[in-house]
Amino acid sequence: MATDKFVIVPRKILKKMRDAIEKYLEVPVIATDIGQSRIVGVLVAANSNGICVPTYITDREVQILTQEAGVPVERIPTDLTALGNNILCNDKRAIVNPEFESTSREIISEALGVKIVSGTIAEWNTVGSAAAATNKGLLLPTVCKKEEVQWIEELFGIPASIGTINAGVPYIGSGLIANSQGAIAGLLTTGPELARIGIALEL
């Protein structure tokens, strides 16, 4: 999970991979599991203002995030515990899965310090896995309709483009981490896909 202030990676990630992430995204790396799970990108939603985590995260993991990220960490009371899959955000706006209850949406909005709207991307509720957002641009799946791309552009106030990752996979968020400085995609991502990512995110 990448932001313009930090990147969260699994605790046992290889040092060479950690160093590469730090180099290309140009922000400090925080190594921790979430709820003793290594799938941190799926479970965490974050921007430069705060971090949303599932309620079952351990106190020690919260302490690590709070100390190293230097932003508030908020447990979100919801059954939609894959927060990274269900929230698409940057430092100014967010789209969330329509299945979130109003109380959870309010906590998410306060934790991330942004206005949020409930919505889908390409008719998928899991908006965080469907797309990637930075403070400079958005990459949406190719199945998005033109009107939907325009709506998301207007919502975030930044350009949006369509593309895929990992040789045709439409779930952008499942194989891409990015911030305003750089992006890292899955190994199967092709040259043309990387070029589209660079253009979409203005890298």
C-alpha atoms as a PDB file:
ATOM      1  CA  MET A   1       0.000   0.000   0.000  1.00  0.00           C
ATOM      2  CA  ALA A   2       1.726   3.164  -1.230  1.00  0.00           C
ATOM      3  CA  THR A   3       1.176   6.822  -0.341  1.00  0.00           C
ATOM      4  CA  ASP A   4       3.206   9.970  -0.889  1.00  0.00           C
ATOM      5  CA  LYS A   5       4.578   9.680   2.675  1.00  0.00           C
ATOM      6  CA  PHE A   6       5.202   5.948   3.166  1.00  0.00           C
ATOM      7  CA  VAL A   7       4.730   2.425   1.796  1.00  0.00           C
ATOM      8  CA  ILE A   8       3.412  -0.478   3.874  1.00  0.00           C
ATOM      9  CA  VAL A   9       4.873  -3.900   3.038  1.00  0.00           C
ATOM     10  CA  PRO A  10       4.732  -7.350   4.695  1.00  0.00           C
ATOM     11  CA  ARG A  11       7.052  -7.876   7.658  1.00  0.00           C
ATOM     12  CA  LYS A  12       9.082 -10.687   6.074  1.00  0.00           C
ATOM     13  CA  ILE A  13       9.567  -9.084   2.666  1.00  0.00           C
ATOM     14  CA  LEU A  14      13.014  -9.657   1.122  1.00  0.00           C
ATOM     15  CA  LYS A  15      15.476  -6.836   1.780  1.00  0.00           C
ATOM     16  CA  LYS A  16      16.280  -6.394  -1.928  1.00  0.00           C
ATOM     17  CA  MET A  17      12.577  -5.997  -2.679  1.00  0.00           C
ATOM     18  CA  ARG A  18      12.145  -3.548   0.185  1.00  0.00           C
ATOM     19  CA  ASP A  19      15.122  -1.523  -1.043  1.00  0.00           C
ATOM     20  CA  ALA A  20      13.742  -1.470  -4.597  1.00  0.00           C
ATOM     21  CA  ILE A  21      10.338  -0.252  -3.417  1.00  0.00           C
ATOM     22  CA  GLU A  22      11.962   2.492  -1.342  1.00  0.00           C
ATOM     23  CA  LYS A  23      14.135   3.511  -4.298  1.00  0.00           C
ATOM     24  CA  TYR A  24      11.407   3.724  -6.945  1.00  0.00           C
ATOM     25  CA  LEU A  25       8.628   5.199  -4.815  1.00  0.00           C
ATOM     26  CA  GLU A  26      11.028   7.530  -2.938  1.00  0.00           C
ATOM     27  CA  VAL A  27       9.358   7.163   0.460  1.00  0.00           C
ATOM     28  CA  PRO A  28      10.189   5.188   3.631  1.00  0.00           C
ATOM     29  CA  VAL A  29       9.049   1.578   3.831  1.00  0.00           C
ATOM     30  CA  ILE A  30       7.119   0.321   6.863  1.00  0.00           C
ATOM     31  CA  ALA A  31       7.380  -3.458   7.270  1.00  0.00           C
ATOM     32  CA  THR A  32       4.521  -4.995   9.256  1.00  0.00           C
ATOM     33  CA  ASP A  33       1.826  -7.602   8.941  1.00  0.00           C
ATOM     34  CA  ILE A  34      -1.841  -6.672   9.398  1.00  0.00           C
ATOM     35  CA  GLY A  35      -3.785  -8.927  11.730  1.00  0.00           C
ATOM     36  CA  GLN A  36      -0.805 -11.303  11.440  1.00  0.00           C
ATOM     37  CA  SER A  37      -1.465 -11.540   7.688  1.00  0.00           C
ATOM     38  CA  ARG A  38       1.014 -10.723   4.920  1.00  0.00           C
ATOM     39  CA  ILE A  39      -1.604  -9.432   2.439  1.00  0.00           C
ATOM     40  CA  VAL A  40      -1.233  -5.867   3.665  1.00  0.00           C
ATOM     41  CA  GLY A  41      -2.323  -4.181   0.439  1.00  0.00           C
ATOM     42  CA  VAL A  42      -5.651  -5.973   0.522  1.00  0.00           C
ATOM     43  CA  LEU A  43      -6.336  -5.179   4.179  1.00  0.00           C
ATOM     44  CA  VAL A  44      -5.178  -1.548   4.460  1.00  0.00           C
ATOM     45  CA  ALA A  45      -6.421   1.671   2.871  1.00  0.00           C
ATOM     46  CA  ALA A  46      -4.219   4.722   3.348  1.00  0.00           C
ATOM     47  CA  ASN A  47      -3.201   8.145   2.138  1.00  0.00           C
ATOM     48  CA  SER A  48      -0.846  10.804   3.474  1.00  0.00           C
ATOM     49  CA  ASN A  49      -3.403  11.791   6.122  1.00  0.00           C
ATOM     50  CA  GLY A  50      -4.212   8.476   7.784  1.00  0.00           C
ATOM     51  CA  ILE A  51      -4.478   4.704   7.685  1.00  0.00           C
ATOM     52  CA  CYS A  52      -7.630   2.556   7.827  1.00  0.00           C
ATOM     53  CA  VAL A  53      -7.196  -0.952   9.209  1.00  0.00           C
ATOM     54  CA  PRO A  54      -9.497  -3.882  10.094  1.00  0.00           C
ATOM     55  CA  THR A  55     -10.602  -4.241  13.710  1.00  0.00           C
ATOM     56  CA  TYR A  56      -8.609  -7.445  14.232  1.00  0.00           C
ATOM     57  CA  ILE A  57      -5.233  -5.766  13.711  1.00  0.00           C
ATOM     58  CA  THR A  58      -3.010  -6.317  16.738  1.00  0.00           C
ATOM     59  CA  ASP A  59      -2.089  -3.495  19.102  1.00  0.00           C
ATOM     60  CA  ARG A  60       1.584  -4.034  18.282  1.00  0.00           C
ATOM     61  CA  GLU A  61       0.891  -3.620  14.557  1.00  0.00           C
ATOM     62  CA  VAL A  62      -1.036  -0.405  15.242  1.00  0.00           C
ATOM     63  CA  GLN A  63       1.914   0.849  17.296  1.00  0.00           C
ATOM     64  CA  ILE A  64       4.352   0.160  14.446  1.00  0.00           C
ATOM     65  CA  LEU A  65       2.153   1.960  11.902  1.00  0.00           C
ATOM     66  CA  THR A  66       1.548   4.941  14.176  1.00  0.00           C
ATOM     67  CA  GLN A  67       5.199   5.399  15.077  1.00  0.00           C
ATOM     68  CA  GLU A  68       6.693   4.870  11.627  1.00  0.00           C
ATOM     69  CA  ALA A  69       4.011   6.501   9.438  1.00  0.00           C
ATOM     70  CA  GLY A  70       3.419   9.457  11.734  1.00  0.00           C
ATOM     71  CA  VAL A  71      -0.299   9.591  10.886  1.00  0.00           C
ATOM     72  CA  PRO A  72      -3.431   8.404  12.728  1.00  0.00           C
ATOM     73  CA  VAL A  73      -4.387   4.733  12.444  1.00  0.00           C
ATOM     74  CA  GLU A  74      -8.106   3.953  12.681  1.00  0.00           C
ATOM     75  CA  ARG A  75      -9.810   0.584  13.098  1.00  0.00           C
ATOM     76  CA  ILE A  76     -12.888   0.453  10.834  1.00  0.00           C
ATOM     77  CA  PRO A  77     -15.909  -1.415  12.244  1.00  0.00           C
ATOM     78  CA  THR A  78     -17.133  -3.342   9.203  1.00  0.00           C
ATOM     79  CA  ASP A  79     -17.446  -6.838   7.774  1.00  0.00           C
ATOM     80  CA  LEU A  80     -15.698  -5.521   4.633  1.00  0.00           C
ATOM     81  CA  THR A  81     -12.307  -6.110   6.220  1.00  0.00           C
ATOM     82  CA  ALA A  82     -10.409  -6.102   2.904  1.00  0.00           C
ATOM     83  CA  LEU A  83     -10.223  -2.309   3.127  1.00  0.00           C
ATOM     84  CA  GLY A  84      -7.599  -1.972   0.404  1.00  0.00           C
ATOM     85  CA  ASN A  85      -9.938  -3.744  -2.005  1.00  0.00           C
ATOM     86  CA  ASN A  86     -12.965  -1.691  -0.974  1.00  0.00           C
ATOM     87  CA  ILE A  87     -11.564   1.861  -0.828  1.00  0.00           C
ATOM     88  CA  LEU A  88      -9.937   3.852  -3.642  1.00  0.00           C
ATOM     89  CA  CYS A  89      -8.365   7.056  -2.374  1.00  0.00           C
ATOM     90  CA  ASN A  90      -5.715   9.696  -2.741  1.00  0.00           C
ATOM     91  CA  ASP A  91      -5.006  12.679  -0.487  1.00  0.00           C
ATOM     92  CA  LYS A  92      -8.131  14.571  -1.574  1.00  0.00           C
ATOM     93  CA  ARG A  93     -10.992  12.185  -2.370  1.00  0.00           C
ATOM     94  CA  ALA A  94     -12.157   8.589  -2.051  1.00  0.00           C
ATOM     95  CA  ILE A  95     -14.669   6.183  -3.578  1.00  0.00           C
ATOM     96  CA  VAL A  96     -15.837   3.365  -1.313  1.00  0.00           C
ATOM     97  CA  ASN A  97     -17.781   0.150  -1.723  1.00  0.00           C
ATOM     98  CA  PRO A  98     -21.522   0.975  -1.549  1.00  0.00           C
ATOM     99  CA  GLU A  99     -21.971  -1.830   0.969  1.00  0.00           C
ATOM    100  CA  PHE A 100     -20.224   0.149   3.714  1.00  0.00           C
ATOM    101  CA  GLU A 101     -22.670   1.327   6.370  1.00  0.00           C
ATOM    102  CA  SER A 102     -22.971   5.069   6.985  1.00  0.00           C
ATOM    103  CA  THR A 103     -21.140   4.895  10.319  1.00  0.00           C
ATOM    104  CA  SER A 104     -18.188   3.141   8.690  1.00  0.00           C
ATOM    105  CA  ARG A 105     -18.125   5.702   5.864  1.00  0.00           C
ATOM    106  CA  GLU A 106     -17.969   8.534   8.383  1.00  0.00           C
ATOM    107  CA  ILE A 107     -15.037   6.925  10.199  1.00  0.00           C
ATOM    108  CA  ILE A 108     -13.222   6.289   6.901  1.00  0.00           C
ATOM    109  CA  SER A 109     -13.753   9.897   5.824  1.00  0.00           C
ATOM    110  CA  GLU A 110     -12.408  11.228   9.108  1.00  0.00           C
ATOM    111  CA  ALA A 111      -9.459   8.815   9.184  1.00  0.00           C
ATOM    112  CA  LEU A 112      -8.319   9.669   5.646  1.00  0.00           C
ATOM    113  CA  GLY A 113      -9.214  13.360   5.937  1.00  0.00           C
ATOM    114  CA  VAL A 114     -11.141  13.328   2.648  1.00  0.00           C
ATOM    115  CA  LYS A 115     -14.673  13.577   1.336  1.00  0.00           C
ATOM    116  CA  ILE A 116     -15.929  10.183   0.192  1.00  0.00           C
ATOM    117  CA  VAL A 117     -18.665   8.923  -2.089  1.00  0.00           C
ATOM    118  CA  SER A 118     -20.130   5.446  -2.420  1.00  0.00           C
ATOM    119  CA  GLY A 119     -19.828   4.026  -5.904  1.00  0.00           C
ATOM    120  CA  THR A 120     -18.690   1.275  -8.207  1.00  0.00           C
ATOM    121  CA  ILE A 121     -16.078   1.039 -10.939  1.00  0.00           C
ATOM    122  CA  ALA A 122     -17.080  -1.003 -13.990  1.00  0.00           C
ATOM    123  CA  GLU A 123     -20.014  -2.214 -11.864  1.00  0.00           C
ATOM    124  CA  TRP A 124     -17.552  -3.704  -9.345  1.00  0.00           C
ATOM    125  CA  ASN A 125     -18.041  -2.882  -5.666  1.00  0.00           C
ATOM    126  CA  THR A 126     -14.391  -3.597  -4.908  1.00  0.00           C
ATOM    127  CA  VAL A 127     -13.227  -0.207  -6.156  1.00  0.00           C
ATOM    128  CA  GLY A 128      -9.782  -0.441  -4.558  1.00  0.00           C
ATOM    129  CA  SER A 129      -8.870  -3.582  -6.503  1.00  0.00           C
ATOM    130  CA  ALA A 130     -10.403  -2.196  -9.710  1.00  0.00           C
ATOM    131  CA  ALA A 131      -8.236   0.898 -10.067  1.00  0.00           C
ATOM    132  CA  ALA A 132      -5.189   2.849  -8.896  1.00  0.00           C
ATOM    133  CA  ALA A 133      -5.190   6.467  -7.733  1.00  0.00           C
ATOM    134  CA  THR A 134      -2.389   8.885  -6.884  1.00  0.00           C
ATOM    135  CA  ASN A 135      -2.435  12.638  -6.393  1.00  0.00           C
ATOM    136  CA  LYS A 136      -1.532  13.072 -10.077  1.00  0.00           C
ATOM    137  CA  GLY A 137      -3.678  10.571 -11.964  1.00  0.00           C
ATOM    138  CA  LEU A 138      -5.944   7.529 -12.057  1.00  0.00           C
ATOM    139  CA  LEU A 139      -5.725   4.253 -13.938  1.00  0.00           C
ATOM    140  CA  LEU A 140      -9.085   2.551 -14.487  1.00  0.00           C
ATOM    141  CA  PRO A 141      -9.917  -0.813 -16.102  1.00  0.00           C
ATOM    142  CA  THR A 142     -10.541  -0.865 -19.832  1.00  0.00           C
ATOM    143  CA  VAL A 143     -14.106  -2.074 -19.267  1.00  0.00           C
ATOM    144  CA  CYS A 144     -15.051   1.334 -17.831  1.00  0.00           C
ATOM    145  CA  LYS A 145     -17.474   3.337 -19.942  1.00  0.00           C
ATOM    146  CA  LYS A 146     -16.530   6.824 -21.121  1.00  0.00           C
ATOM    147  CA  GLU A 147     -19.151   8.445 -18.888  1.00  0.00           C
ATOM    148  CA  GLU A 148     -17.767   6.599 -15.856  1.00  0.00           C
ATOM    149  CA  VAL A 149     -14.216   7.730 -16.607  1.00  0.00           C
ATOM    150  CA  GLN A 150     -15.433  11.324 -16.845  1.00  0.00           C
ATOM    151  CA  TRP A 151     -17.350  11.044 -13.566  1.00  0.00           C
ATOM    152  CA  ILE A 152     -14.309   9.730 -11.709  1.00  0.00           C
ATOM    153  CA  GLU A 153     -12.099  12.436 -13.249  1.00  0.00           C
ATOM    154  CA  GLU A 154     -14.485  15.115 -12.031  1.00  0.00           C
ATOM    155  CA  LEU A 155     -14.766  13.528  -8.603  1.00  0.00           C
ATOM    156  CA  PHE A 156     -11.014  13.384  -7.997  1.00  0.00           C
ATOM    157  CA  GLY A 157     -10.160  16.481 -10.028  1.00  0.00           C
ATOM    158  CA  ILE A 158      -7.282  14.749 -11.842  1.00  0.00           C
ATOM    159  CA  PRO A 159      -6.907  12.987 -15.227  1.00  0.00           C
ATOM    160  CA  ALA A 160      -8.034   9.370 -15.588  1.00  0.00           C
ATOM    161  CA  SER A 161      -7.003   6.813 -18.205  1.00  0.00           C
ATOM    162  CA  ILE A 162      -7.873   3.187 -18.854  1.00  0.00           C
ATOM    163  CA  GLY A 163      -5.533   0.209 -18.985  1.00  0.00           C
ATOM    164  CA  THR A 164      -4.651  -3.246 -17.650  1.00  0.00           C
ATOM    165  CA  ILE A 165      -1.810  -4.894 -15.754  1.00  0.00           C
ATOM    166  CA  ASN A 166      -0.077  -8.282 -15.819  1.00  0.00           C
ATOM    167  CA  ALA A 167      -0.770  -8.968 -19.511  1.00  0.00           C
ATOM    168  CA  GLY A 168      -4.439  -8.079 -19.625  1.00  0.00           C
ATOM    169  CA  VAL A 169      -5.714  -8.321 -16.044  1.00  0.00           C
ATOM    170  CA  PRO A 170      -8.436  -5.683 -15.548  1.00  0.00           C
ATOM    171  CA  TYR A 171      -8.149  -5.485 -11.748  1.00  0.00           C
ATOM    172  CA  ILE A 172      -5.541  -2.718 -11.680  1.00  0.00           C
ATOM    173  CA  GLY A 173      -5.208  -2.561  -7.899  1.00  0.00           C
ATOM    174  CA  SER A 174      -4.395  -6.249  -7.659  1.00  0.00           C
ATOM    175  CA  GLY A 175      -1.041  -5.853  -9.393  1.00  0.00           C
ATOM    176  CA  LEU A 176       0.080  -2.240  -9.039  1.00  0.00           C
ATOM    177  CA  ILE A 177       1.296   0.009  -6.238  1.00  0.00           C
ATOM    178  CA  ALA A 178       1.955   3.656  -7.012  1.00  0.00           C
ATOM    179  CA  ASN A 179       2.383   7.131  -5.625  1.00  0.00           C
ATOM    180  CA  SER A 180       3.254  10.512  -7.136  1.00  0.00           C
ATOM    181  CA  GLN A 181       6.918   9.519  -7.530  1.00  0.00           C
ATOM    182  CA  GLY A 182       6.679   6.088  -9.136  1.00  0.00           C
ATOM    183  CA  ALA A 183       4.878   2.818  -9.719  1.00  0.00           C
ATOM    184  CA  ILE A 184       5.674  -0.879  -9.364  1.00  0.00           C
ATOM    185  CA  ALA A 185       3.683  -3.453 -11.335  1.00  0.00           C
ATOM    186  CA  GLY A 186       3.526  -7.247 -11.449  1.00  0.00           C
ATOM    187  CA  LEU A 187       6.209  -9.120 -13.401  1.00  0.00           C
ATOM    188  CA  LEU A 188       3.816 -10.096 -16.208  1.00  0.00           C
ATOM    189  CA  THR A 189       2.984  -6.464 -17.001  1.00  0.00           C
ATOM    190  CA  THR A 190       3.918  -5.735 -20.616  1.00  0.00           C
ATOM    191  CA  GLY A 191       5.828  -2.800 -22.085  1.00  0.00           C
ATOM    192  CA  PRO A 192       2.704  -1.160 -23.530  1.00  0.00           C
ATOM    193  CA  GLU A 193       0.927  -1.604 -20.184  1.00  0.00           C
ATOM    194  CA  LEU A 194       3.835   0.047 -18.358  1.00  0.00           C
ATOM    195  CA  ALA A 195       3.754   2.923 -20.840  1.00  0.00           C
ATOM    196  CA  ARG A 196       0.042   3.407 -20.198  1.00  0.00           C
ATOM    197  CA  ILE A 197       0.622   3.354 -16.439  1.00  0.00           C
ATOM    198  CA  GLY A 198       3.286   6.031 -16.806  1.00  0.00           C
ATOM    199  CA  ILE A 199       1.045   8.245 -18.902  1.00  0.00           C
ATOM    200  CA  ALA A 200      -2.007   7.774 -16.665  1.00  0.00           C
ATOM    201  CA  LEU A 201      -0.129   8.528 -13.445  1.00  0.00           C
ATOM    202  CA  GLU A 202       2.072  11.246 -15.027  1.00  0.00           C
ATOM    203  CA  LEU A 203       5.336   9.494 -14.171  1.00  0.00           C
END
